[in-house]
PDB file of N, CA and C in Angstrom:
ATOM      1  N   UNK A   1     -14.777  13.922  -8.582  1.00  0.00           N
ATOM      2  CA  UNK A   1     -13.750  13.055  -8.023  1.00  0.00           C
ATOM      3  C   UNK A   1     -12.941  13.774  -7.019  1.00  0.00           C
ATOM      4  N   UNK A   2     -12.728  13.209  -5.920  1.00  0.00           N
ATOM      5  CA  UNK A   2     -11.863  13.758  -4.898  1.00  0.00           C
ATOM      6  C   UNK A   2     -11.639  12.679  -3.769  1.00  0.00           C
ATOM      7  N   UNK A   3     -10.535  12.940  -3.115  1.00  0.00           N
ATOM      8  CA  UNK A   3     -10.294  12.063  -1.955  1.00  0.00           C
ATOM      9  C   UNK A   3     -11.362  12.374  -0.917  1.00  0.00           C
ATOM     10  N   UNK A   4     -11.817  11.491  -0.222  1.00  0.00           N
ATOM     11  CA  UNK A   4     -12.840  11.725   0.819  1.00  0.00           C
ATOM     12  C   UNK A   4     -12.255  12.690   1.870  1.00  0.00           C
ATOM     13  N   UNK A   5     -13.127  13.703   2.225  1.00  0.00           N
ATOM     14  CA  UNK A   5     -12.725  14.570   3.285  1.00  0.00           C
ATOM     15  C   UNK A   5     -12.861  13.969   4.727  1.00  0.00           C
ATOM     16  N   UNK A   6     -12.217  14.537   5.716  1.00  0.00           N
ATOM     17  CA  UNK A   6     -12.416  13.874   6.985  1.00  0.00           C
ATOM     18  C   UNK A   6     -13.828  13.964   7.558  1.00  0.00           C
ATOM     19  N   UNK A   7     -14.643  14.898   7.084  1.00  0.00           N
ATOM     20  CA  UNK A   7     -16.015  14.987   7.570  1.00  0.00           C
ATOM     21  C   UNK A   7     -16.966  14.153   6.745  1.00  0.00           C
ATOM     22  N   UNK A   8     -16.561  13.530   5.693  1.00  0.00           N
ATOM     23  CA  UNK A   8     -17.431  12.564   4.995  1.00  0.00           C
ATOM     24  C   UNK A   8     -17.795  11.368   5.760  1.00  0.00           C
ATOM     25  N   UNK A   9     -18.998  10.949   5.650  1.00  0.00           N
ATOM     26  CA  UNK A   9     -19.405   9.680   6.340  1.00  0.00           C
ATOM     27  C   UNK A   9     -18.552   8.524   5.597  1.00  0.00           C
ATOM     28  N   UNK A  10     -18.315   7.512   6.483  1.00  0.00           N
ATOM     29  CA  UNK A  10     -17.677   6.282   5.934  1.00  0.00           C
ATOM     30  C   UNK A  10     -18.645   5.612   4.957  1.00  0.00           C
ATOM     31  N   UNK A  11     -18.132   4.982   3.919  1.00  0.00           N
ATOM     32  CA  UNK A  11     -18.959   4.135   3.026  1.00  0.00           C
ATOM     33  C   UNK A  11     -19.451   2.946   3.777  1.00  0.00           C
ATOM     34  N   UNK A  12     -20.469   2.286   3.319  1.00  0.00           N
ATOM     35  CA  UNK A  12     -20.935   1.078   4.091  1.00  0.00           C
ATOM     36  C   UNK A  12     -19.965  -0.085   3.812  1.00  0.00           C
ATOM     37  N   UNK A  13     -19.843  -0.959   4.674  1.00  0.00           N
ATOM     38  CA  UNK A  13     -19.065  -2.083   4.512  1.00  0.00           C
ATOM     39  C   UNK A  13     -19.428  -2.980   3.297  1.00  0.00           C
ATOM     40  N   UNK A  14     -20.680  -3.010   3.099  1.00  0.00           N
ATOM     41  CA  UNK A  14     -21.125  -3.802   2.013  1.00  0.00           C
ATOM     42  C   UNK A  14     -20.758  -3.210   0.647  1.00  0.00           C
ATOM     43  N   UNK A  15     -20.787  -1.937   0.493  1.00  0.00           N
ATOM     44  CA  UNK A  15     -20.299  -1.197  -0.760  1.00  0.00           C
ATOM     45  C   UNK A  15     -18.872  -1.477  -0.902  1.00  0.00           C
ATOM     46  N   UNK A  16     -18.048  -1.301   0.197  1.00  0.00           N
ATOM     47  CA  UNK A  16     -16.551  -1.480   0.021  1.00  0.00           C
ATOM     48  C   UNK A  16     -16.175  -2.901  -0.253  1.00  0.00           C
ATOM     49  N   UNK A  17     -16.939  -3.922   0.410  1.00  0.00           N
ATOM     50  CA  UNK A  17     -16.712  -5.337  -0.037  1.00  0.00           C
ATOM     51  C   UNK A  17     -16.955  -5.588  -1.379  1.00  0.00           C
ATOM     52  N   UNK A  18     -18.152  -5.084  -1.865  1.00  0.00           N
ATOM     53  CA  UNK A  18     -18.472  -5.363  -3.284  1.00  0.00           C
ATOM     54  C   UNK A  18     -17.432  -4.784  -4.248  1.00  0.00           C
ATOM     55  N   UNK A  19     -17.028  -3.531  -3.937  1.00  0.00           N
ATOM     56  CA  UNK A  19     -16.018  -2.959  -4.834  1.00  0.00           C
ATOM     57  C   UNK A  19     -14.772  -3.642  -4.734  1.00  0.00           C
ATOM     58  N   UNK A  20     -14.353  -4.147  -3.521  1.00  0.00           N
ATOM     59  CA  UNK A  20     -13.083  -4.819  -3.363  1.00  0.00           C
ATOM     60  C   UNK A  20     -12.991  -6.150  -4.084  1.00  0.00           C
ATOM     61  N   UNK A  21     -14.148  -6.821  -3.972  1.00  0.00           N
ATOM     62  CA  UNK A  21     -14.251  -8.110  -4.671  1.00  0.00           C
ATOM     63  C   UNK A  21     -14.221  -7.946  -6.188  1.00  0.00           C
ATOM     64  N   UNK A  22     -14.926  -6.850  -6.699  1.00  0.00           N
ATOM     65  CA  UNK A  22     -14.943  -6.675  -8.194  1.00  0.00           C
ATOM     66  C   UNK A  22     -13.484  -6.253  -8.587  1.00  0.00           C
ATOM     67  N   UNK A  23     -13.056  -5.294  -7.862  1.00  0.00           N
ATOM     68  CA  UNK A  23     -11.580  -4.869  -8.168  1.00  0.00           C
ATOM     69  C   UNK A  23     -10.542  -6.027  -8.105  1.00  0.00           C
ATOM     70  N   UNK A  24     -10.765  -6.925  -7.131  1.00  0.00           N
ATOM     71  CA  UNK A  24      -9.779  -8.118  -7.000  1.00  0.00           C
ATOM     72  C   UNK A  24     -10.005  -9.046  -8.247  1.00  0.00           C
ATOM     73  N   UNK A  25     -11.234  -9.198  -8.733  1.00  0.00           N
ATOM     74  CA  UNK A  25     -11.432  -9.999  -9.846  1.00  0.00           C
ATOM     75  C   UNK A  25     -10.854  -9.366 -11.096  1.00  0.00           C
ATOM     76  N   UNK A  26     -10.891  -8.038 -11.264  1.00  0.00           N
ATOM     77  CA  UNK A  26     -10.224  -7.425 -12.363  1.00  0.00           C
ATOM     78  C   UNK A  26      -8.687  -7.504 -12.218  1.00  0.00           C
ATOM     79  N   UNK A  27      -8.192  -7.317 -10.995  1.00  0.00           N
ATOM     80  CA  UNK A  27      -6.805  -7.443 -10.903  1.00  0.00           C
ATOM     81  C   UNK A  27      -6.231  -8.797 -11.116  1.00  0.00           C
ATOM     82  N   UNK A  28      -6.877  -9.828 -10.603  1.00  0.00           N
ATOM     83  CA  UNK A  28      -6.395 -11.184 -10.804  1.00  0.00           C
ATOM     84  C   UNK A  28      -6.494 -11.596 -12.267  1.00  0.00           C
ATOM     85  N   UNK A  29      -7.450 -11.075 -12.996  1.00  0.00           N
ATOM     86  CA  UNK A  29      -7.573 -11.225 -14.479  1.00  0.00           C
ATOM     87  C   UNK A  29      -6.450 -10.585 -15.236  1.00  0.00           C
ATOM     88  N   UNK A  30      -6.051  -9.397 -14.715  1.00  0.00           N
ATOM     89  CA  UNK A  30      -4.929  -8.732 -15.234  1.00  0.00           C
ATOM     90  C   UNK A  30      -3.666  -9.493 -15.075  1.00  0.00           C
ATOM     91  N   UNK A  31      -3.448 -10.024 -13.794  1.00  0.00           N
ATOM     92  CA  UNK A  31      -2.309 -10.766 -13.562  1.00  0.00           C
ATOM     93  C   UNK A  31      -2.240 -12.108 -14.494  1.00  0.00           C
ATOM     94  N   UNK A  32      -3.400 -12.665 -14.743  1.00  0.00           N
ATOM     95  CA  UNK A  32      -3.342 -13.902 -15.531  1.00  0.00           C
ATOM     96  C   UNK A  32      -2.997 -13.544 -16.964  1.00  0.00           C
ATOM     97  N   UNK A  33      -3.559 -12.408 -17.515  1.00  0.00           N
ATOM     98  CA  UNK A  33      -3.227 -11.855 -18.753  1.00  0.00           C
ATOM     99  C   UNK A  33      -1.729 -11.507 -18.942  1.00  0.00           C
ATOM    100  N   UNK A  34      -1.201 -10.905 -17.853  1.00  0.00           N
ATOM    101  CA  UNK A  34       0.292 -10.650 -17.842  1.00  0.00           C
ATOM    102  C   UNK A  34       1.167 -11.854 -17.896  1.00  0.00           C
ATOM    103  N   UNK A  35       0.779 -12.833 -17.131  1.00  0.00           N
ATOM    104  CA  UNK A  35       1.553 -14.220 -17.102  1.00  0.00           C
ATOM    105  C   UNK A  35       1.439 -14.816 -18.542  1.00  0.00           C
ATOM    106  N   UNK A  36       0.259 -14.821 -19.074  1.00  0.00           N
ATOM    107  CA  UNK A  36       0.075 -15.512 -20.405  1.00  0.00           C
ATOM    108  C   UNK A  36       0.839 -14.618 -21.499  1.00  0.00           C
ATOM    109  N   UNK A  37       0.982 -13.317 -21.232  1.00  0.00           N
ATOM    110  CA  UNK A  37       1.660 -12.386 -22.267  1.00  0.00           C
ATOM    111  C   UNK A  37       3.099 -12.722 -22.194  1.00  0.00           C
ATOM    112  N   UNK A  38       3.625 -12.932 -20.954  1.00  0.00           N
ATOM    113  CA  UNK A  38       5.101 -13.390 -20.862  1.00  0.00           C
ATOM    114  C   UNK A  38       5.463 -14.691 -21.612  1.00  0.00           C
ATOM    115  N   UNK A  39       4.561 -15.561 -21.409  1.00  0.00           N
ATOM    116  CA  UNK A  39       4.734 -16.818 -22.174  1.00  0.00           C
ATOM    117  C   UNK A  39       4.689 -16.657 -23.654  1.00  0.00           C
ATOM    118  N   UNK A  40       3.716 -15.854 -24.093  1.00  0.00           N
ATOM    119  CA  UNK A  40       3.582 -15.574 -25.490  1.00  0.00           C
ATOM    120  C   UNK A  40       4.779 -14.927 -26.106  1.00  0.00           C
ATOM    121  N   UNK A  41       5.209 -13.836 -25.398  1.00  0.00           N
ATOM    122  CA  UNK A  41       6.436 -13.048 -25.885  1.00  0.00           C
ATOM    123  C   UNK A  41       7.605 -14.052 -26.096  1.00  0.00           C
ATOM    124  N   UNK A  42       7.870 -14.980 -25.129  1.00  0.00           N
ATOM    125  CA  UNK A  42       8.959 -15.918 -25.335  1.00  0.00           C
ATOM    126  C   UNK A  42       8.716 -16.875 -26.375  1.00  0.00           C
ATOM    127  N   UNK A  43       7.410 -17.057 -26.782  1.00  0.00           N
ATOM    128  CA  UNK A  43       6.985 -17.936 -27.912  1.00  0.00           C
ATOM    129  C   UNK A  43       6.984 -17.204 -29.244  1.00  0.00           C
ATOM    130  N   UNK A  44       7.281 -15.952 -29.166  1.00  0.00           N
ATOM    131  CA  UNK A  44       7.413 -15.192 -30.595  1.00  0.00           C
ATOM    132  C   UNK A  44       6.178 -14.411 -30.873  1.00  0.00           C
ATOM    133  N   UNK A  45       5.582 -13.846 -29.916  1.00  0.00           N
ATOM    134  CA  UNK A  45       4.464 -12.905 -30.203  1.00  0.00           C
ATOM    135  C   UNK A  45       5.005 -11.732 -31.113  1.00  0.00           C
ATOM    136  N   UNK A  46       3.981 -11.123 -31.788  1.00  0.00           N
ATOM    137  CA  UNK A  46       4.366  -9.860 -32.644  1.00  0.00           C
ATOM    138  C   UNK A  46       4.754  -8.731 -31.751  1.00  0.00           C
ATOM    139  N   UNK A  47       5.363  -7.748 -32.353  1.00  0.00           N
ATOM    140  CA  UNK A  47       5.774  -6.549 -31.684  1.00  0.00           C
ATOM    141  C   UNK A  47       4.714  -5.647 -31.074  1.00  0.00           C
ATOM    142  N   UNK A  48       3.511  -5.707 -31.679  1.00  0.00           N
ATOM    143  CA  UNK A  48       2.318  -4.827 -31.228  1.00  0.00           C
ATOM    144  C   UNK A  48       1.658  -5.534 -30.013  1.00  0.00           C
ATOM    145  N   UNK A  49       1.953  -6.740 -29.647  1.00  0.00           N
ATOM    146  CA  UNK A  49       1.243  -7.568 -28.778  1.00  0.00           C
ATOM    147  C   UNK A  49       1.386  -6.907 -27.278  1.00  0.00           C
ATOM    148  N   UNK A  50       2.609  -6.581 -26.814  1.00  0.00           N
ATOM    149  CA  UNK A  50       2.729  -6.080 -25.535  1.00  0.00           C
ATOM    150  C   UNK A  50       2.142  -4.683 -25.297  1.00  0.00           C
ATOM    151  N   UNK A  51       2.385  -3.769 -26.327  1.00  0.00           N
ATOM    152  CA  UNK A  51       1.920  -2.401 -26.144  1.00  0.00           C
ATOM    153  C   UNK A  51       0.348  -2.464 -26.054  1.00  0.00           C
ATOM    154  N   UNK A  52      -0.207  -3.233 -26.908  1.00  0.00           N
ATOM    155  CA  UNK A  52      -1.723  -3.193 -26.899  1.00  0.00           C
ATOM    156  C   UNK A  52      -2.339  -3.767 -25.562  1.00  0.00           C
ATOM    157  N   UNK A  53      -1.612  -4.844 -25.063  1.00  0.00           N
ATOM    158  CA  UNK A  53      -2.076  -5.356 -23.780  1.00  0.00           C
ATOM    159  C   UNK A  53      -1.782  -4.361 -22.621  1.00  0.00           C
ATOM    160  N   UNK A  54      -0.788  -3.674 -22.681  1.00  0.00           N
ATOM    161  CA  UNK A  54      -0.426  -2.636 -21.723  1.00  0.00           C
ATOM    162  C   UNK A  54      -1.521  -1.513 -21.780  1.00  0.00           C
ATOM    163  N   UNK A  55      -1.763  -1.033 -23.002  1.00  0.00           N
ATOM    164  CA  UNK A  55      -2.819  -0.025 -23.111  1.00  0.00           C
ATOM    165  C   UNK A  55      -4.191  -0.458 -22.571  1.00  0.00           C
ATOM    166  N   UNK A  56      -4.649  -1.628 -22.984  1.00  0.00           N
ATOM    167  CA  UNK A  56      -5.898  -2.217 -22.497  1.00  0.00           C
ATOM    168  C   UNK A  56      -5.900  -2.311 -21.015  1.00  0.00           C
ATOM    169  N   UNK A  57      -4.810  -2.674 -20.352  1.00  0.00           N
ATOM    170  CA  UNK A  57      -4.696  -2.854 -18.958  1.00  0.00           C
ATOM    171  C   UNK A  57      -4.854  -1.486 -18.317  1.00  0.00           C
ATOM    172  N   UNK A  58      -4.183  -0.569 -18.807  1.00  0.00           N
ATOM    173  CA  UNK A  58      -4.322   0.905 -18.267  1.00  0.00           C
ATOM    174  C   UNK A  58      -5.797   1.374 -18.369  1.00  0.00           C
ATOM    175  N   UNK A  59      -6.319   0.992 -19.496  1.00  0.00           N
ATOM    176  CA  UNK A  59      -7.744   1.607 -19.689  1.00  0.00           C
ATOM    177  C   UNK A  59      -8.752   0.808 -18.753  1.00  0.00           C
ATOM    178  N   UNK A  60      -8.283  -0.278 -18.253  1.00  0.00           N
ATOM    179  CA  UNK A  60      -9.127  -0.918 -17.196  1.00  0.00           C
ATOM    180  C   UNK A  60      -8.690  -0.600 -15.742  1.00  0.00           C
ATOM    181  N   UNK A  61      -7.417  -0.230 -15.510  1.00  0.00           N
ATOM    182  CA  UNK A  61      -7.099   0.137 -14.080  1.00  0.00           C
ATOM    183  C   UNK A  61      -7.547   1.595 -13.901  1.00  0.00           C
ATOM    184  N   UNK A  62      -7.444   2.527 -14.843  1.00  0.00           N
ATOM    185  CA  UNK A  62      -7.892   3.926 -14.543  1.00  0.00           C
ATOM    186  C   UNK A  62      -9.330   4.072 -13.942  1.00  0.00           C
ATOM    187  N   UNK A  63     -10.329   3.399 -14.657  1.00  0.00           N
ATOM    188  CA  UNK A  63     -11.598   3.634 -14.048  1.00  0.00           C
ATOM    189  C   UNK A  63     -11.925   2.825 -12.775  1.00  0.00           C
ATOM    190  N   UNK A  64     -11.186   1.748 -12.550  1.00  0.00           N
ATOM    191  CA  UNK A  64     -11.273   1.085 -11.315  1.00  0.00           C
ATOM    192  C   UNK A  64     -10.741   1.863 -10.145  1.00  0.00           C
ATOM    193  N   UNK A  65      -9.557   2.490 -10.368  1.00  0.00           N
ATOM    194  CA  UNK A  65      -9.030   3.317  -9.323  1.00  0.00           C
ATOM    195  C   UNK A  65      -9.933   4.549  -9.057  1.00  0.00           C
ATOM    196  N   UNK A  66     -10.529   5.165 -10.114  1.00  0.00           N
ATOM    197  CA  UNK A  66     -11.291   6.231 -10.061  1.00  0.00           C
ATOM    198  C   UNK A  66     -12.589   5.883  -9.227  1.00  0.00           C
ATOM    199  N   UNK A  67     -13.005   4.608  -9.351  1.00  0.00           N
ATOM    200  CA  UNK A  67     -14.209   4.094  -8.648  1.00  0.00           C
ATOM    201  C   UNK A  67     -14.012   4.257  -7.157  1.00  0.00           C
ATOM    202  N   UNK A  68     -12.778   3.967  -6.736  1.00  0.00           N
ATOM    203  CA  UNK A  68     -12.558   4.084  -5.203  1.00  0.00           C
ATOM    204  C   UNK A  68     -12.465   5.541  -4.852  1.00  0.00           C
ATOM    205  N   UNK A  69     -12.009   6.420  -5.638  1.00  0.00           N
ATOM    206  CA  UNK A  69     -12.136   7.836  -5.342  1.00  0.00           C
ATOM    207  C   UNK A  69     -13.484   8.472  -5.327  1.00  0.00           C
ATOM    208  N   UNK A  70     -14.483   7.796  -5.896  1.00  0.00           N
ATOM    209  CA  UNK A  70     -15.845   8.263  -6.042  1.00  0.00           C
ATOM    210  C   UNK A  70     -16.750   7.436  -5.114  1.00  0.00           C
ATOM    211  N   UNK A  71     -16.165   6.740  -4.043  1.00  0.00           N
ATOM    212  CA  UNK A  71     -16.923   5.859  -3.359  1.00  0.00           C
ATOM    213  C   UNK A  71     -18.182   6.420  -2.561  1.00  0.00           C
ATOM    214  N   UNK A  72     -17.990   7.737  -2.295  1.00  0.00           N
ATOM    215  CA  UNK A  72     -19.117   8.344  -1.535  1.00  0.00           C
ATOM    216  C   UNK A  72     -20.258   8.793  -2.447  1.00  0.00           C
ATOM    217  N   UNK A  73     -20.229   8.562  -3.718  1.00  0.00           N
ATOM    218  CA  UNK A  73     -21.278   8.819  -4.570  1.00  0.00           C
ATOM    219  C   UNK A  73     -22.135   7.682  -4.711  1.00  0.00           C
ATOM    220  N   UNK A  74     -23.354   7.778  -5.186  1.00  0.00           N
ATOM    221  CA  UNK A  74     -24.252   6.562  -5.247  1.00  0.00           C
ATOM    222  C   UNK A  74     -23.941   5.660  -6.344  1.00  0.00           C
ATOM    223  N   UNK A  75     -23.953   6.124  -7.574  1.00  0.00           N
ATOM    224  CA  UNK A  75     -23.923   5.160  -8.726  1.00  0.00           C
ATOM    225  C   UNK A  75     -22.651   5.326  -9.516  1.00  0.00           C
ATOM    226  N   UNK A  76     -21.916   6.433  -9.404  1.00  0.00           N
ATOM    227  CA  UNK A  76     -20.653   6.577 -10.138  1.00  0.00           C
ATOM    228  C   UNK A  76     -19.587   5.504  -9.965  1.00  0.00           C
ATOM    229  N   UNK A  77     -19.386   4.997  -8.707  1.00  0.00           N
ATOM    230  CA  UNK A  77     -18.391   4.067  -8.577  1.00  0.00           C
ATOM    231  C   UNK A  77     -18.787   2.694  -9.314  1.00  0.00           C
ATOM    232  N   UNK A  78     -19.995   2.322  -9.290  1.00  0.00           N
ATOM    233  CA  UNK A  78     -20.440   1.129  -9.980  1.00  0.00           C
ATOM    234  C   UNK A  78     -20.328   1.317 -11.600  1.00  0.00           C
ATOM    235  N   UNK A  79     -20.634   2.457 -12.033  1.00  0.00           N
ATOM    236  CA  UNK A  79     -20.489   2.727 -13.501  1.00  0.00           C
ATOM    237  C   UNK A  79     -19.038   2.628 -13.860  1.00  0.00           C
ATOM    238  N   UNK A  80     -18.187   3.246 -12.964  1.00  0.00           N
ATOM    239  CA  UNK A  80     -16.720   3.121 -13.293  1.00  0.00           C
ATOM    240  C   UNK A  80     -16.235   1.663 -13.287  1.00  0.00           C
ATOM    241  N   UNK A  81     -16.659   0.874 -12.375  1.00  0.00           N
ATOM    242  CA  UNK A  81     -16.237  -0.441 -12.244  1.00  0.00           C
ATOM    243  C   UNK A  81     -16.691  -1.264 -13.442  1.00  0.00           C
ATOM    244  N   UNK A  82     -17.926  -0.950 -13.879  1.00  0.00           N
ATOM    245  CA  UNK A  82     -18.402  -1.610 -15.089  1.00  0.00           C
ATOM    246  C   UNK A  82     -17.658  -1.228 -16.239  1.00  0.00           C
ATOM    247  N   UNK A  83     -17.249   0.100 -16.393  1.00  0.00           N
ATOM    248  CA  UNK A  83     -16.503   0.561 -17.433  1.00  0.00           C
ATOM    249  C   UNK A  83     -15.022   0.014 -17.504  1.00  0.00           C
ATOM    250  N   UNK A  84     -14.614  -0.566 -16.344  1.00  0.00           N
ATOM    251  CA  UNK A  84     -13.318  -1.132 -16.324  1.00  0.00           C
ATOM    252  C   UNK A  84     -13.332  -2.532 -16.887  1.00  0.00           C
ATOM    253  N   UNK A  85     -14.398  -3.127 -17.046  1.00  0.00           N
ATOM    254  CA  UNK A  85     -14.497  -4.633 -17.472  1.00  0.00           C
ATOM    255  C   UNK A  85     -14.283  -4.756 -18.956  1.00  0.00           C
ATOM    256  N   UNK A  86     -14.900  -4.040 -19.911  1.00  0.00           N
ATOM    257  CA  UNK A  86     -14.706  -4.262 -21.295  1.00  0.00           C
ATOM    258  C   UNK A  86     -13.239  -4.245 -21.784  1.00  0.00           C
ATOM    259  N   UNK A  87     -12.435  -3.137 -21.240  1.00  0.00           N
ATOM    260  CA  UNK A  87     -11.019  -3.234 -21.718  1.00  0.00           C
ATOM    261  C   UNK A  87     -10.242  -4.535 -21.256  1.00  0.00           C
ATOM    262  N   UNK A  88     -10.541  -4.976 -20.039  1.00  0.00           N
ATOM    263  CA  UNK A  88      -9.934  -6.110 -19.545  1.00  0.00           C
ATOM    264  C   UNK A  88     -10.355  -7.485 -20.258  1.00  0.00           C
ATOM    265  N   UNK A  89     -11.695  -7.374 -20.648  1.00  0.00           N
ATOM    266  CA  UNK A  89     -12.095  -8.656 -21.440  1.00  0.00           C
ATOM    267  C   UNK A  89     -11.483  -8.578 -22.768  1.00  0.00           C
ATOM    268  N   UNK A  90     -11.277  -7.408 -23.338  1.00  0.00           N
ATOM    269  CA  UNK A  90     -10.577  -7.315 -24.631  1.00  0.00           C
ATOM    270  C   UNK A  90      -9.087  -7.729 -24.459  1.00  0.00           C
ATOM    271  N   UNK A  91      -8.479  -7.376 -23.368  1.00  0.00           N
ATOM    272  CA  UNK A  91      -7.053  -7.800 -23.179  1.00  0.00           C
ATOM    273  C   UNK A  91      -7.094  -9.313 -23.103  1.00  0.00           C
ATOM    274  N   UNK A  92      -8.047  -9.952 -22.511  1.00  0.00           N
ATOM    275  CA  UNK A  92      -8.005 -11.324 -22.409  1.00  0.00           C
ATOM    276  C   UNK A  92      -8.172 -12.018 -23.816  1.00  0.00           C
ATOM    277  N   UNK A  93      -9.055 -11.417 -24.625  1.00  0.00           N
ATOM    278  CA  UNK A  93      -9.160 -11.939 -25.868  1.00  0.00           C
ATOM    279  C   UNK A  93      -7.976 -11.848 -26.810  1.00  0.00           C
ATOM    280  N   UNK A  94      -7.265 -10.609 -26.657  1.00  0.00           N
ATOM    281  CA  UNK A  94      -6.053 -10.308 -27.414  1.00  0.00           C
ATOM    282  C   UNK A  94      -5.014 -11.258 -26.867  1.00  0.00           C
ATOM    283  N   UNK A  95      -4.869 -11.478 -25.598  1.00  0.00           N
ATOM    284  CA  UNK A  95      -3.864 -12.393 -25.096  1.00  0.00           C
ATOM    285  C   UNK A  95      -4.142 -13.871 -25.455  1.00  0.00           C
ATOM    286  N   UNK A  96      -5.260 -14.360 -25.582  1.00  0.00           N
ATOM    287  CA  UNK A  96      -5.559 -15.668 -26.050  1.00  0.00           C
ATOM    288  C   UNK A  96      -5.326 -15.886 -27.593  1.00  0.00           C
ATOM    289  N   UNK A  97      -5.139 -14.740 -28.347  1.00  0.00           N
ATOM    290  CA  UNK A  97      -4.854 -14.876 -29.788  1.00  0.00           C
ATOM    291  C   UNK A  97      -3.441 -15.482 -30.042  1.00  0.00           C
ATOM    292  N   UNK A  98      -2.501 -15.224 -29.112  1.00  0.00           N
ATOM    293  CA  UNK A  98      -1.184 -15.665 -29.319  1.00  0.00           C
ATOM    294  C   UNK A  98      -0.680 -16.529 -28.195  1.00  0.00           C
TER     295      UNK A  98
END
């Protein structure tokens, strides 16, 4: 993992667009979970609710951000983007419980 060097070739537009769309989907899902959590907290959600959602969100953001740092590698960015989905889906399920 590293920031791209000046002499690295630019990634293809198709790869960047795919990663941006996938990352945007994860981000919008995270925003929806956050808004739902705010409503749930005002409705009396338990004390563990927000820390668990925050942890799951961070577990999703970290591999998604790392994917953009690994954009010059062939498969690693896609594996990292796929690794970001399960914690976000778990956050959605936890959010919908309250």
